[in-house]
Amino acid sequence: MAVESMVKKLKRQAAKRVNQRLKQPKHSVPHRYPFKYRQTSRGRVPLTDEDALAMIRWRAARRARKTQAEQKV
């Protein structure tokens, strides 16, 4: 019984994901940097310029590592 319900749940989740991908956003406005908040132990706090810079640098480094890994393969 538990296996069948788990299978049903996973199929339903997969169908939801497919439907989400198929739906086009109605009004998508491209943001250059969409993060306005950051999560801390106090909760969500407004993003400062230093935080944004750190986040952008971290993303750039991650992207560079990913491209290097792809080039090695």
Protein backbone atom coordinates (compact mmCIF):
# COMPACT_ATOMS: atom_id res chain seq x y z
CA MET A 1 0.00 0.00 0.00
CA ALA A 2 2.72 2.46 0.93
CA VAL A 3 4.66 1.77 -2.25
CA GLU A 4 1.66 2.43 -4.47
CA SER A 5 0.89 5.70 -2.73
CA MET A 6 4.54 6.77 -3.02
CA VAL A 7 4.54 5.97 -6.73
CA LYS A 8 1.32 7.93 -7.18
CA LYS A 9 2.79 10.88 -5.28
CA LEU A 10 5.99 10.90 -7.35
CA LYS A 11 4.03 10.71 -10.61
CA ARG A 12 1.83 13.60 -9.49
CA GLN A 13 4.89 15.68 -8.56
CA ALA A 14 6.50 14.95 -11.93
CA ALA A 15 3.31 15.95 -13.75
CA LYS A 16 3.20 19.21 -11.80
CA ARG A 17 6.79 19.97 -12.78
CA VAL A 18 6.04 19.29 -16.43
CA ASN A 19 3.01 21.57 -16.32
CA GLN A 20 5.02 24.32 -14.64
CA ARG A 21 7.62 24.13 -17.40
CA LEU A 22 4.97 24.26 -20.10
CA LYS A 23 3.28 27.35 -18.69
CA GLN A 24 4.78 30.52 -20.08
CA PRO A 25 5.18 33.45 -17.71
CA LYS A 26 2.61 36.14 -18.41
CA HIS A 27 4.78 39.17 -17.78
CA SER A 28 8.40 38.24 -17.39
CA VAL A 29 10.54 41.28 -16.74
CA PRO A 30 14.24 40.45 -16.92
CA HIS A 31 16.11 41.53 -13.82
CA ARG A 32 19.83 41.88 -13.96
CA TYR A 33 20.08 40.93 -10.30
CA PRO A 34 16.82 39.67 -8.83
CA PHE A 35 17.99 39.09 -5.25
CA LYS A 36 16.74 41.86 -2.98
CA TYR A 37 17.08 39.99 0.30
CA ARG A 38 19.44 37.56 1.96
CA GLN A 39 18.69 34.96 4.58
CA THR A 40 20.33 35.28 8.00
CA SER A 41 19.72 33.86 11.45
CA ARG A 42 17.50 36.91 12.08
CA GLY A 43 15.44 36.13 9.00
CA ARG A 44 15.32 37.97 5.68
CA VAL A 45 17.26 41.21 5.62
CA PRO A 46 17.71 43.66 2.73
CA LEU A 47 20.67 42.92 0.51
CA THR A 48 23.58 45.33 0.84
CA ASP A 49 25.98 46.20 -1.97
CA GLU A 50 28.74 44.15 -0.35
CA ASP A 51 26.47 41.12 -0.12
CA ALA A 52 25.46 41.50 -3.76
CA LEU A 53 29.09 41.76 -4.85
CA ALA A 54 30.02 38.68 -2.85
CA MET A 55 27.12 36.75 -4.34
CA ILE A 56 28.01 37.79 -7.89
CA ARG A 57 31.66 36.85 -7.35
CA TRP A 58 30.68 33.50 -5.91
CA ARG A 59 28.44 32.78 -8.90
CA ALA A 60 31.18 33.79 -11.34
CA ALA A 61 33.67 31.51 -9.58
CA ARG A 62 31.19 28.63 -9.63
CA ARG A 63 30.56 29.20 -13.34
CA ALA A 64 34.31 29.23 -14.02
CA ARG A 65 34.81 25.98 -12.09
CA LYS A 66 31.97 24.39 -14.02
CA THR A 67 33.41 25.38 -17.41
CA GLN A 68 36.86 24.12 -16.38
CA ALA A 69 35.37 20.78 -15.35
CA GLU A 70 33.56 20.53 -18.70
CA GLN A 71 36.75 21.33 -20.61
CA LYS A 72 38.67 18.58 -18.78
CA VAL A 73 36.09 15.97 -19.81
